[in-house]
Amino acid sequence: MKLPFKIVSIGSSIALIAGMFLPGFVSAAGVGQIEGGNVNYTISNVTKGTGFSNTQSADQCNIVEYRLHLYNPGPDPINDVNVEATINTITPYTQYVSTATVFAPDSLTPQINFQSTLNLSTAQTETYIKGSTVLLDSAGNVISSSSNGTLADTITTGAGGIDIGSLGASVQEYLEFKAQVNCPSVPTPQPTYACTGLTVEGEDNNIVKVTNFTTSQNNGANFTNATLNWGDNSTPLTTNNVVGQTHQYASNGTYNIIVTANFNVNGSTQSATSQSCEQQISFTSTPPTTPTTPTPTQLVNTGPGNVIAVFLGFSATGFAAFSMLKRYKLSRG
């Protein structure tokens, strides 16, 4: 006796499909199909060298690879197979579920979805790596590739997906593509430059001399020279050897000396000055003062005349005393 239905294997399940002879039913005998199951959509962390799994972990800057296992258990080929996949390109998340969708209009299931999960150590987005999509046979041989133009580079959703052609009965193929977890760029240090110090000293004849000059420059900025404005409407001096430079003013007065430092910054000239590179100097006329010799304390005049007088005085006194002494002796004798 002939059964009113036929049994068709669908992966690991059994489906009962009504026979041609039952009103309102179309026989599915002889129709291909895509085997489902999220286990067929996996992720590998290329940067860390991990194997493929349905749930994967990654850090910022890591490169991950998605793999979709396509299998048609038959009994017939499937034509016009189109595949597209979602990756997190807009909003940073710490976990994102990627969905790969297979469109196969003449298969038992015209559309089937697969999902895999990527866990991130910090909230990040992903970027599809152009030219990374490749279609492989069951032995890992390349069938077509977006890098050589034999496969479209539009795997991501919104880009149109890719057409991989036909998938024969009992045929297994692998569709792989790569993405990079967002790699926050380290800000490039900006060049910095400044005029940081100036010291001048005044000398005789209204001459000023630069005794100290300093600048700072970093991250690609280089000091080239400096322009000295002496503050007296004379022609400014530009030199790369500032310390030791001198200038003579035509007259007394107060002058503001300003130094502008010039730098080469990424091929262009940039200038900088500051209050630290401004100095004021004054020259004044001070009438000469006639040197004076301090008056010494009056001493006893010991000139030759006085010496003779003193000597004569002492001599007379001595003679008188001698005479008196002589008379005294005679009177006693």
C-alpha atoms as a PDB file:
ATOM      1  CA  MET A   1       0.000   0.000   0.000  1.00  0.00           C
ATOM      2  CA  LYS A   2       1.348   3.441  -0.933  1.00  0.00           C
ATOM      3  CA  LEU A   3       1.669   5.987   1.907  1.00  0.00           C
ATOM      4  CA  PRO A   4      -0.034   9.380   1.415  1.00  0.00           C
ATOM      5  CA  PHE A   5       3.203  11.211   2.385  1.00  0.00           C
ATOM      6  CA  LYS A   6       6.929  11.048   1.942  1.00  0.00           C
ATOM      7  CA  ILE A   7       9.634  11.338   4.630  1.00  0.00           C
ATOM      8  CA  VAL A   8      12.396  13.887   3.966  1.00  0.00           C
ATOM      9  CA  SER A   9      15.445  14.255   6.253  1.00  0.00           C
ATOM     10  CA  ILE A  10      16.094  17.832   7.430  1.00  0.00           C
ATOM     11  CA  GLY A  11      19.455  17.807   9.211  1.00  0.00           C
ATOM     12  CA  SER A  12      18.919  15.756  12.348  1.00  0.00           C
ATOM     13  CA  SER A  13      15.100  16.121  12.339  1.00  0.00           C
ATOM     14  CA  ILE A  14      12.381  14.344  10.384  1.00  0.00           C
ATOM     15  CA  ALA A  15       9.715  16.322   8.603  1.00  0.00           C
ATOM     16  CA  LEU A  16       6.479  14.939   7.274  1.00  0.00           C
ATOM     17  CA  ILE A  17       5.734  16.443   3.918  1.00  0.00           C
ATOM     18  CA  ALA A  18       2.377  15.880   2.296  1.00  0.00           C
ATOM     19  CA  GLY A  19       2.402  13.981  -1.010  1.00  0.00           C
ATOM     20  CA  MET A  20       1.458  15.349  -4.349  1.00  0.00           C
ATOM     21  CA  PHE A  21      -1.868  13.554  -4.238  1.00  0.00           C
ATOM     22  CA  LEU A  22      -3.192  15.449  -1.189  1.00  0.00           C
ATOM     23  CA  PRO A  23      -5.182  18.545  -2.113  1.00  0.00           C
ATOM     24  CA  GLY A  24      -3.581  21.882  -1.144  1.00  0.00           C
ATOM     25  CA  PHE A  25      -0.060  20.526  -0.463  1.00  0.00           C
ATOM     26  CA  VAL A  26       3.087  20.726  -2.552  1.00  0.00           C
ATOM     27  CA  SER A  27       5.661  17.979  -2.304  1.00  0.00           C
ATOM     28  CA  ALA A  28       9.037  19.037  -0.884  1.00  0.00           C
ATOM     29  CA  ALA A  29      10.755  15.980  -2.229  1.00  0.00           C
ATOM     30  CA  GLY A  30      13.834  16.940  -4.191  1.00  0.00           C
ATOM     31  CA  VAL A  31      14.320  20.353  -2.432  1.00  0.00           C
ATOM     32  CA  GLY A  32      17.690  21.433  -0.943  1.00  0.00           C
ATOM     33  CA  GLN A  33      18.086  23.254   2.337  1.00  0.00           C
ATOM     34  CA  ILE A  34      20.578  25.027   4.591  1.00  0.00           C
ATOM     35  CA  GLU A  35      21.295  23.188   7.812  1.00  0.00           C
ATOM     36  CA  GLY A  36      20.549  25.451  10.776  1.00  0.00           C
ATOM     37  CA  GLY A  37      21.963  25.811  14.268  1.00  0.00           C
ATOM     38  CA  ASN A  38      24.029  28.586  15.875  1.00  0.00           C
ATOM     39  CA  VAL A  39      26.877  26.142  16.268  1.00  0.00           C
ATOM     40  CA  ASN A  40      27.470  26.754  12.576  1.00  0.00           C
ATOM     41  CA  TYR A  41      28.320  30.444  13.162  1.00  0.00           C
ATOM     42  CA  THR A  42      31.501  30.931  15.176  1.00  0.00           C
ATOM     43  CA  ILE A  43      34.165  33.540  15.995  1.00  0.00           C
ATOM     44  CA  SER A  44      37.927  33.312  16.420  1.00  0.00           C
ATOM     45  CA  ASN A  45      40.164  35.908  18.078  1.00  0.00           C
ATOM     46  CA  VAL A  46      42.952  36.162  15.532  1.00  0.00           C
ATOM     47  CA  THR A  47      45.036  38.486  17.704  1.00  0.00           C
ATOM     48  CA  LYS A  48      45.036  36.068  20.641  1.00  0.00           C
ATOM     49  CA  GLY A  49      45.182  32.950  18.465  1.00  0.00           C
ATOM     50  CA  THR A  50      42.028  31.343  19.864  1.00  0.00           C
ATOM     51  CA  GLY A  51      40.004  28.718  18.047  1.00  0.00           C
ATOM     52  CA  PHE A  52      36.507  29.192  16.658  1.00  0.00           C
ATOM     53  CA  SER A  53      33.605  29.122  19.111  1.00  0.00           C
ATOM     54  CA  ASN A  54      30.054  30.412  19.182  1.00  0.00           C
ATOM     55  CA  THR A  55      30.971  32.824  22.004  1.00  0.00           C
ATOM     56  CA  GLN A  56      34.253  34.699  21.894  1.00  0.00           C
ATOM     57  CA  SER A  57      36.072  37.377  23.907  1.00  0.00           C
ATOM     58  CA  ALA A  58      38.141  40.285  22.642  1.00  0.00           C
ATOM     59  CA  ASP A  59      39.852  43.468  23.718  1.00  0.00           C
ATOM     60  CA  GLN A  60      40.165  46.791  21.969  1.00  0.00           C
ATOM     61  CA  CYS A  61      42.289  46.629  18.812  1.00  0.00           C
ATOM     62  CA  ASN A  62      41.875  42.846  18.515  1.00  0.00           C
ATOM     63  CA  ILE A  63      41.128  41.316  15.118  1.00  0.00           C
ATOM     64  CA  VAL A  64      38.381  38.726  15.104  1.00  0.00           C
ATOM     65  CA  GLU A  65      37.288  36.371  12.340  1.00  0.00           C
ATOM     66  CA  TYR A  66      33.723  35.204  11.756  1.00  0.00           C
ATOM     67  CA  ARG A  67      33.047  31.806  10.156  1.00  0.00           C
ATOM     68  CA  LEU A  68      29.710  30.585   8.790  1.00  0.00           C
ATOM     69  CA  HIS A  69      29.387  26.860   8.059  1.00  0.00           C
ATOM     70  CA  LEU A  70      27.096  26.279   5.078  1.00  0.00           C
ATOM     71  CA  TYR A  71      25.765  22.734   4.548  1.00  0.00           C
ATOM     72  CA  ASN A  72      23.114  21.489   2.163  1.00  0.00           C
ATOM     73  CA  PRO A  73      22.059  17.943   3.065  1.00  0.00           C
ATOM     74  CA  GLY A  74      20.145  17.775  -0.230  1.00  0.00           C
ATOM     75  CA  PRO A  75      18.756  16.078  -1.994  1.00  0.00           C
ATOM     76  CA  ASP A  76      19.001  18.888  -4.578  1.00  0.00           C
ATOM     77  CA  PRO A  77      21.387  21.845  -5.017  1.00  0.00           C
ATOM     78  CA  ILE A  78      20.421  25.293  -3.813  1.00  0.00           C
ATOM     79  CA  ASN A  79      20.829  28.187  -6.210  1.00  0.00           C
ATOM     80  CA  ASP A  80      21.318  31.937  -5.740  1.00  0.00           C
ATOM     81  CA  VAL A  81      22.546  31.725  -2.151  1.00  0.00           C
ATOM     82  CA  ASN A  82      23.097  35.163  -0.635  1.00  0.00           C
ATOM     83  CA  VAL A  83      24.668  35.845   2.764  1.00  0.00           C
ATOM     84  CA  GLU A  84      24.920  38.974   4.888  1.00  0.00           C
ATOM     85  CA  ALA A  85      26.072  39.542   8.463  1.00  0.00           C
ATOM     86  CA  THR A  86      25.776  42.201  11.159  1.00  0.00           C
ATOM     87  CA  ILE A  87      28.675  43.549  13.171  1.00  0.00           C
ATOM     88  CA  ASN A  88      28.599  46.351  15.715  1.00  0.00           C
ATOM     89  CA  THR A  89      29.697  49.410  13.761  1.00  0.00           C
ATOM     90  CA  ILE A  90      27.752  52.201  15.484  1.00  0.00           C
ATOM     91  CA  THR A  91      27.162  52.000  19.233  1.00  0.00           C
ATOM     92  CA  PRO A  92      29.921  50.768  21.570  1.00  0.00           C
ATOM     93  CA  TYR A  93      28.881  47.701  23.547  1.00  0.00           C
ATOM     94  CA  THR A  94      30.619  45.254  25.844  1.00  0.00           C
ATOM     95  CA  GLN A  95      28.608  42.426  24.303  1.00  0.00           C
ATOM     96  CA  TYR A  96      27.276  42.149  20.792  1.00  0.00           C
ATOM     97  CA  VAL A  97      25.349  39.379  19.073  1.00  0.00           C
ATOM     98  CA  SER A  98      26.206  39.115  15.407  1.00  0.00           C
ATOM     99  CA  THR A  99      23.566  37.711  13.065  1.00  0.00           C
ATOM    100  CA  ALA A 100      24.386  36.010   9.781  1.00  0.00           C
ATOM    101  CA  THR A 101      21.421  35.597   7.443  1.00  0.00           C
ATOM    102  CA  VAL A 102      21.340  33.149   4.536  1.00  0.00           C
ATOM    103  CA  PHE A 103      18.848  33.788   1.727  1.00  0.00           C
ATOM    104  CA  ALA A 104      18.128  30.808  -0.514  1.00  0.00           C
ATOM    105  CA  PRO A 105      14.863  31.332  -2.463  1.00  0.00           C
ATOM    106  CA  ASP A 106      14.594  27.791  -3.849  1.00  0.00           C
ATOM    107  CA  SER A 107      15.503  25.978  -0.620  1.00  0.00           C
ATOM    108  CA  LEU A 108      13.164  24.396   1.872  1.00  0.00           C
ATOM    109  CA  THR A 109      13.867  27.378   4.161  1.00  0.00           C
ATOM    110  CA  PRO A 110      14.245  30.540   2.017  1.00  0.00           C
ATOM    111  CA  GLN A 111      15.781  32.500   4.909  1.00  0.00           C
ATOM    112  CA  ILE A 112      17.655  31.275   7.970  1.00  0.00           C
ATOM    113  CA  ASN A 113      19.506  33.174  10.687  1.00  0.00           C
ATOM    114  CA  PHE A 114      22.604  32.234  12.690  1.00  0.00           C
ATOM    115  CA  GLN A 115      23.945  34.066  15.733  1.00  0.00           C
ATOM    116  CA  SER A 116      27.238  34.308  17.606  1.00  0.00           C
ATOM    117  CA  THR A 117      28.291  36.456  20.584  1.00  0.00           C
ATOM    118  CA  LEU A 118      31.345  38.662  21.009  1.00  0.00           C
ATOM    119  CA  ASN A 119      32.183  39.797  24.565  1.00  0.00           C
ATOM    120  CA  LEU A 120      34.424  42.857  24.819  1.00  0.00           C
ATOM    121  CA  SER A 121      36.524  43.961  27.796  1.00  0.00           C
ATOM    122  CA  THR A 122      35.500  47.595  27.188  1.00  0.00           C
ATOM    123  CA  ALA A 123      32.592  49.064  25.254  1.00  0.00           C
ATOM    124  CA  GLN A 124      33.751  49.258  21.643  1.00  0.00           C
ATOM    125  CA  THR A 125      32.540  49.045  18.065  1.00  0.00           C
ATOM    126  CA  GLU A 126      33.871  46.949  15.193  1.00  0.00           C
ATOM    127  CA  THR A 127      35.051  47.725  11.691  1.00  0.00           C
ATOM    128  CA  TYR A 128      34.888  45.283   8.797  1.00  0.00           C
ATOM    129  CA  ILE A 129      38.331  44.648   7.317  1.00  0.00           C
ATOM    130  CA  LYS A 130      38.032  45.244   3.613  1.00  0.00           C
ATOM    131  CA  GLY A 131      39.068  42.392   1.364  1.00  0.00           C
ATOM    132  CA  SER A 132      38.855  39.840   4.175  1.00  0.00           C
ATOM    133  CA  THR A 133      35.845  37.806   2.977  1.00  0.00           C
ATOM    134  CA  VAL A 134      36.682  34.391   1.585  1.00  0.00           C
ATOM    135  CA  LEU A 135      34.658  31.314   0.572  1.00  0.00           C
ATOM    136  CA  LEU A 136      36.352  27.970   1.304  1.00  0.00           C
ATOM    137  CA  ASP A 137      35.522  24.370   0.470  1.00  0.00           C
ATOM    138  CA  SER A 138      35.390  21.676   3.145  1.00  0.00           C
ATOM    139  CA  ALA A 139      39.145  21.116   2.804  1.00  0.00           C
ATOM    140  CA  GLY A 140      39.947  24.805   3.368  1.00  0.00           C
ATOM    141  CA  ASN A 141      40.747  25.597  -0.251  1.00  0.00           C
ATOM    142  CA  VAL A 142      39.769  29.026  -1.537  1.00  0.00           C
ATOM    143  CA  ILE A 143      36.791  29.014  -3.873  1.00  0.00           C
ATOM    144  CA  SER A 144      36.476  32.770  -4.192  1.00  0.00           C
ATOM    145  CA  SER A 145      37.724  35.835  -2.354  1.00  0.00           C
ATOM    146  CA  SER A 146      36.915  39.514  -2.056  1.00  0.00           C
ATOM    147  CA  SER A 147      40.608  40.298  -2.071  1.00  0.00           C
ATOM    148  CA  ASN A 148      40.974  39.175  -5.685  1.00  0.00           C
ATOM    149  CA  GLY A 149      37.579  40.369  -6.862  1.00  0.00           C
ATOM    150  CA  THR A 150      36.012  36.919  -7.311  1.00  0.00           C
ATOM    151  CA  LEU A 151      33.725  37.631  -4.374  1.00  0.00           C
ATOM    152  CA  ALA A 152      31.943  40.867  -3.529  1.00  0.00           C
ATOM    153  CA  ASP A 153      33.248  42.840  -0.546  1.00  0.00           C
ATOM    154  CA  THR A 154      29.770  43.539   0.796  1.00  0.00           C
ATOM    155  CA  ILE A 155      29.215  40.930   3.501  1.00  0.00           C
ATOM    156  CA  THR A 156      27.959  43.364   6.126  1.00  0.00           C
ATOM    157  CA  THR A 157      24.283  44.206   6.441  1.00  0.00           C
ATOM    158  CA  GLY A 158      23.366  47.322   4.547  1.00  0.00           C
ATOM    159  CA  ALA A 159      26.064  46.731   1.982  1.00  0.00           C
ATOM    160  CA  GLY A 160      23.891  44.220   0.110  1.00  0.00           C
ATOM    161  CA  GLY A 161      25.374  40.941   1.254  1.00  0.00           C
ATOM    162  CA  ILE A 162      27.270  38.638  -1.106  1.00  0.00           C
ATOM    163  CA  ASP A 163      26.113  36.077  -3.634  1.00  0.00           C
ATOM    164  CA  ILE A 164      28.035  32.820  -3.286  1.00  0.00           C
ATOM    165  CA  GLY A 165      26.200  31.094  -6.131  1.00  0.00           C
ATOM    166  CA  SER A 166      24.988  27.503  -5.785  1.00  0.00           C
ATOM    167  CA  LEU A 167      25.473  25.082  -2.927  1.00  0.00           C
ATOM    168  CA  GLY A 168      25.356  21.483  -4.155  1.00  0.00           C
ATOM    169  CA  ALA A 169      23.656  18.600  -2.382  1.00  0.00           C
ATOM    170  CA  SER A 170      25.750  17.180   0.499  1.00  0.00           C
ATOM    171  CA  VAL A 171      28.225  20.028   0.010  1.00  0.00           C
ATOM    172  CA  GLN A 172      29.886  21.930   2.861  1.00  0.00           C
ATOM    173  CA  GLU A 173      31.442  25.365   2.466  1.00  0.00           C
ATOM    174  CA  TYR A 174      32.769  27.993   4.849  1.00  0.00           C
ATOM    175  CA  LEU A 175      32.305  31.715   4.527  1.00  0.00           C
ATOM    176  CA  GLU A 176      34.763  33.743   6.563  1.00  0.00           C
ATOM    177  CA  PHE A 177      35.383  37.440   7.092  1.00  0.00           C
ATOM    178  CA  LYS A 178      37.328  39.589   9.554  1.00  0.00           C
ATOM    179  CA  ALA A 179      36.629  42.653  11.664  1.00  0.00           C
ATOM    180  CA  GLN A 180      38.716  44.737  14.005  1.00  0.00           C
ATOM    181  CA  VAL A 181      37.544  45.868  17.411  1.00  0.00           C
ATOM    182  CA  ASN A 182      37.819  49.616  17.612  1.00  0.00           C
ATOM    183  CA  CYS A 183      41.332  50.722  18.466  1.00  0.00           C
ATOM    184  CA  PRO A 184      41.123  54.127  20.154  1.00  0.00           C
ATOM    185  CA  SER A 185      43.809  56.255  18.622  1.00  0.00           C
ATOM    186  CA  VAL A 186      46.379  57.728  20.952  1.00  0.00           C
ATOM    187  CA  PRO A 187      46.308  61.489  20.451  1.00  0.00           C
ATOM    188  CA  THR A 188      49.376  62.641  18.597  1.00  0.00           C
ATOM    189  CA  PRO A 189      51.321  65.006  20.850  1.00  0.00           C
ATOM    190  CA  GLN A 190      51.057  68.496  19.457  1.00  0.00           C
ATOM    191  CA  PRO A 191      54.246  70.508  18.939  1.00  0.00           C
ATOM    192  CA  THR A 192      54.892  73.011  21.710  1.00  0.00           C
ATOM    193  CA  TYR A 193      57.274  75.950  21.642  1.00  0.00           C
ATOM    194  CA  ALA A 194      57.878  79.008  23.813  1.00  0.00           C
ATOM    195  CA  CYS A 195      60.267  81.841  24.565  1.00  0.00           C
ATOM    196  CA  THR A 196      61.022  81.240  28.224  1.00  0.00           C
ATOM    197  CA  GLY A 197      63.741  83.579  29.449  1.00  0.00           C
ATOM    198  CA  LEU A 198      65.800  86.707  28.779  1.00  0.00           C
ATOM    199  CA  THR A 199      68.403  88.517  30.897  1.00  0.00           C
ATOM    200  CA  VAL A 200      70.265  91.702  29.922  1.00  0.00           C
ATOM    201  CA  GLU A 201      72.835  93.870  31.647  1.00  0.00           C
ATOM    202  CA  GLY A 202      73.784  97.495  31.154  1.00  0.00           C
ATOM    203  CA  GLU A 203      77.387  98.503  30.538  1.00  0.00           C
ATOM    204  CA  ASP A 204      79.262 101.783  30.107  1.00  0.00           C
ATOM    205  CA  ASN A 205      78.491 104.118  27.234  1.00  0.00           C
ATOM    206  CA  ASN A 206      74.802 103.118  27.063  1.00  0.00           C
ATOM    207  CA  ILE A 207      75.637  99.569  25.968  1.00  0.00           C
ATOM    208  CA  VAL A 208      73.307  96.678  26.784  1.00  0.00           C
ATOM    209  CA  LYS A 209      74.354  93.025  26.612  1.00  0.00           C
ATOM    210  CA  VAL A 210      72.281  89.832  26.491  1.00  0.00           C
ATOM    211  CA  THR A 211      73.590  87.478  29.173  1.00  0.00           C
ATOM    212  CA  ASN A 212      70.917  84.769  29.084  1.00  0.00           C
ATOM    213  CA  PHE A 213      68.263  83.538  26.653  1.00  0.00           C
ATOM    214  CA  THR A 214      66.168  80.342  26.822  1.00  0.00           C
ATOM    215  CA  THR A 215      63.423  78.621  24.820  1.00  0.00           C
ATOM    216  CA  SER A 216      61.507  75.350  25.021  1.00  0.00           C
ATOM    217  CA  GLN A 217      60.458  73.187  22.093  1.00  0.00           C
ATOM    218  CA  ASN A 218      58.937  69.690  21.976  1.00  0.00           C
ATOM    219  CA  ASN A 219      57.212  67.153  19.725  1.00  0.00           C
ATOM    220  CA  GLY A 220      58.697  68.239  16.433  1.00  0.00           C
ATOM    221  CA  ALA A 221      59.223  71.945  17.088  1.00  0.00           C
ATOM    222  CA  ASN A 222      62.802  73.172  16.573  1.00  0.00           C
ATOM    223  CA  PHE A 223      64.328  76.530  17.479  1.00  0.00           C
ATOM    224  CA  THR A 224      65.781  78.327  14.450  1.00  0.00           C
ATOM    225  CA  ASN A 225      66.601  81.896  15.480  1.00  0.00           C
ATOM    226  CA  ALA A 226      65.372  84.915  17.411  1.00  0.00           C
ATOM    227  CA  THR A 227      64.686  88.545  16.620  1.00  0.00           C
ATOM    228  CA  LEU A 228      65.851  91.174  19.115  1.00  0.00           C
ATOM    229  CA  ASN A 229      63.976  94.466  19.211  1.00  0.00           C
ATOM    230  CA  TRP A 230      66.106  96.873  21.215  1.00  0.00           C
ATOM    231  CA  GLY A 231      63.247  99.306  21.847  1.00  0.00           C
ATOM    232  CA  ASP A 232      64.838 102.372  20.275  1.00  0.00           C
ATOM    233  CA  ASN A 233      63.392 102.122  16.755  1.00  0.00           C
ATOM    234  CA  SER A 234      66.665 100.716  15.471  1.00  0.00           C
ATOM    235  CA  THR A 235      66.669  97.807  13.019  1.00  0.00           C
ATOM    236  CA  PRO A 236      65.845  94.554  14.872  1.00  0.00           C
ATOM    237  CA  LEU A 237      68.578  91.930  14.968  1.00  0.00           C
ATOM    238  CA  THR A 238      67.812  88.333  13.891  1.00  0.00           C
ATOM    239  CA  THR A 239      70.326  85.742  15.027  1.00  0.00           C
ATOM    240  CA  ASN A 240      70.534  82.138  16.155  1.00  0.00           C
ATOM    241  CA  ASN A 241      73.125  83.071  18.783  1.00  0.00           C
ATOM    242  CA  VAL A 242      71.353  85.462  21.097  1.00  0.00           C
ATOM    243  CA  VAL A 243      73.531  85.322  24.187  1.00  0.00           C
ATOM    244  CA  GLY A 244      76.398  87.794  23.988  1.00  0.00           C
ATOM    245  CA  GLN A 245      74.717  90.198  21.579  1.00  0.00           C
ATOM    246  CA  THR A 246      75.207  93.898  22.432  1.00  0.00           C
ATOM    247  CA  HIS A 247      73.577  97.152  21.432  1.00  0.00           C
ATOM    248  CA  GLN A 248      74.523 100.781  22.084  1.00  0.00           C
ATOM    249  CA  TYR A 249      71.844 103.406  22.587  1.00  0.00           C
ATOM    250  CA  ALA A 250      72.313 106.882  21.194  1.00  0.00           C
ATOM    251  CA  SER A 251      71.072 108.580  24.325  1.00  0.00           C
ATOM    252  CA  ASN A 252      70.056 107.978  27.883  1.00  0.00           C
ATOM    253  CA  GLY A 253      66.590 106.700  28.577  1.00  0.00           C
ATOM    254  CA  THR A 254      64.496 103.659  29.433  1.00  0.00           C
ATOM    255  CA  TYR A 255      64.171 100.987  26.771  1.00  0.00           C
ATOM    256  CA  ASN A 256      61.978  97.883  26.481  1.00  0.00           C
ATOM    257  CA  ILE A 257      63.871  94.987  24.911  1.00  0.00           C
ATOM    258  CA  ILE A 258      61.697  92.265  23.364  1.00  0.00           C
ATOM    259  CA  VAL A 259      62.972  88.986  21.922  1.00  0.00           C
ATOM    260  CA  THR A 260      60.788  86.920  19.587  1.00  0.00           C
ATOM    261  CA  ALA A 261      61.838  83.283  19.201  1.00  0.00           C
ATOM    262  CA  ASN A 262      61.282  81.582  15.835  1.00  0.00           C
ATOM    263  CA  PHE A 263      60.700  77.851  15.416  1.00  0.00           C
ATOM    264  CA  ASN A 264      60.340  75.321  12.620  1.00  0.00           C
ATOM    265  CA  VAL A 265      57.125  73.415  13.286  1.00  0.00           C
ATOM    266  CA  ASN A 266      56.335  70.665  10.790  1.00  0.00           C
ATOM    267  CA  GLY A 267      57.946  72.638   8.010  1.00  0.00           C
ATOM    268  CA  SER A 268      56.430  76.011   8.813  1.00  0.00           C
ATOM    269  CA  THR A 269      57.826  78.951  10.764  1.00  0.00           C
ATOM    270  CA  GLN A 270      56.105  79.772  14.028  1.00  0.00           C
ATOM    271  CA  SER A 271      57.046  82.573  16.414  1.00  0.00           C
ATOM    272  CA  ALA A 272      56.610  83.078  20.123  1.00  0.00           C
ATOM    273  CA  THR A 273      57.396  85.670  22.742  1.00  0.00           C
ATOM    274  CA  SER A 274      56.344  86.189  26.336  1.00  0.00           C
ATOM    275  CA  GLN A 275      56.789  88.447  29.317  1.00  0.00           C
ATOM    276  CA  SER A 276      59.749  86.275  30.239  1.00  0.00           C
ATOM    277  CA  CYS A 277      61.429  87.449  27.028  1.00  0.00           C
ATOM    278  CA  GLU A 278      60.917  91.149  27.700  1.00  0.00           C
ATOM    279  CA  GLN A 279      63.330  93.228  29.748  1.00  0.00           C
ATOM    280  CA  GLN A 280      63.534  96.937  30.585  1.00  0.00           C
ATOM    281  CA  ILE A 281      66.801  98.786  30.991  1.00  0.00           C
ATOM    282  CA  SER A 282      67.532 102.407  31.896  1.00  0.00           C
ATOM    283  CA  PHE A 283      70.508 104.650  31.279  1.00  0.00           C
ATOM    284  CA  THR A 284      70.840 108.038  33.076  1.00  0.00           C
ATOM    285  CA  SER A 285      73.391 110.877  33.203  1.00  0.00           C
ATOM    286  CA  THR A 286      74.974 111.257  36.645  1.00  0.00           C
ATOM    287  CA  PRO A 287      77.167 114.428  36.991  1.00  0.00           C
ATOM    288  CA  PRO A 288      80.746 113.517  37.877  1.00  0.00           C
ATOM    289  CA  THR A 289      81.564 114.047  41.528  1.00  0.00           C
ATOM    290  CA  THR A 290      84.952 115.746  42.380  1.00  0.00           C
ATOM    291  CA  PRO A 291      86.886 113.400  44.597  1.00  0.00           C
ATOM    292  CA  THR A 292      87.622 114.902  48.075  1.00  0.00           C
ATOM    293  CA  THR A 293      90.378 113.971  50.505  1.00  0.00           C
ATOM    294  CA  PRO A 294      89.229 113.638  54.126  1.00  0.00           C
ATOM    295  CA  THR A 295      90.826 116.290  56.529  1.00  0.00           C
ATOM    296  CA  PRO A 296      93.164 114.472  58.951  1.00  0.00           C
ATOM    297  CA  THR A 297      93.204 115.224  62.736  1.00  0.00           C
ATOM    298  CA  GLN A 298      95.668 118.193  63.598  1.00  0.00           C
ATOM    299  CA  LEU A 299      98.945 116.841  64.896  1.00  0.00           C
ATOM    300  CA  VAL A 300     101.730 118.637  66.886  1.00  0.00           C
ATOM    301  CA  ASN A 301     103.973 120.446  64.467  1.00  0.00           C
ATOM    302  CA  THR A 302     107.211 118.551  64.529  1.00  0.00           C
ATOM    303  CA  GLY A 303     108.992 120.593  61.917  1.00  0.00           C
ATOM    304  CA  PRO A 304     112.752 121.403  62.196  1.00  0.00           C
ATOM    305  CA  GLY A 305     112.232 124.815  63.926  1.00  0.00           C
ATOM    306  CA  ASN A 306     110.140 123.363  66.690  1.00  0.00           C
ATOM    307  CA  VAL A 307     112.637 120.585  67.230  1.00  0.00           C
ATOM    308  CA  ILE A 308     115.437 123.120  67.747  1.00  0.00           C
ATOM    309  CA  ALA A 309     113.294 125.166  70.122  1.00  0.00           C
ATOM    310  CA  VAL A 310     112.421 122.150  72.159  1.00  0.00           C
ATOM    311  CA  PHE A 311     116.013 121.075  72.233  1.00  0.00           C
ATOM    312  CA  LEU A 312     117.170 124.554  73.363  1.00  0.00           C
ATOM    313  CA  GLY A 313     114.491 124.671  76.045  1.00  0.00           C
ATOM    314  CA  PHE A 314     115.561 121.368  77.447  1.00  0.00           C
ATOM    315  CA  SER A 315     119.221 122.471  77.318  1.00  0.00           C
ATOM    316  CA  ALA A 316     118.607 125.739  79.260  1.00  0.00           C
ATOM    317  CA  THR A 317     116.633 123.994  81.935  1.00  0.00           C
ATOM    318  CA  GLY A 318     119.317 121.412  82.326  1.00  0.00           C
ATOM    319  CA  PHE A 319     122.103 124.016  82.620  1.00  0.00           C
ATOM    320  CA  ALA A 320     120.189 125.909  85.338  1.00  0.00           C
ATOM    321  CA  ALA A 321     119.671 122.787  87.331  1.00  0.00           C
ATOM    322  CA  PHE A 322     123.329 121.863  86.996  1.00  0.00           C
ATOM    323  CA  SER A 323     124.437 125.302  88.296  1.00  0.00           C
ATOM    324  CA  MET A 324     122.206 125.119  91.338  1.00  0.00           C
ATOM    325  CA  LEU A 325     123.463 121.673  92.186  1.00  0.00           C
ATOM    326  CA  LYS A 326     127.077 122.837  91.961  1.00  0.00           C
ATOM    327  CA  ARG A 327     126.537 125.790  94.296  1.00  0.00           C
ATOM    328  CA  TYR A 328     124.870 123.532  96.834  1.00  0.00           C
ATOM    329  CA  LYS A 329     127.851 121.261  96.980  1.00  0.00           C
ATOM    330  CA  LEU A 330     130.309 124.149  97.434  1.00  0.00           C
ATOM    331  CA  SER A 331     128.310 125.616 100.320  1.00  0.00           C
ATOM    332  CA  ARG A 332     128.518 122.373 102.211  1.00  0.00           C
ATOM    333  CA  GLY A 333     132.133 121.931 101.596  1.00  0.00           C
END
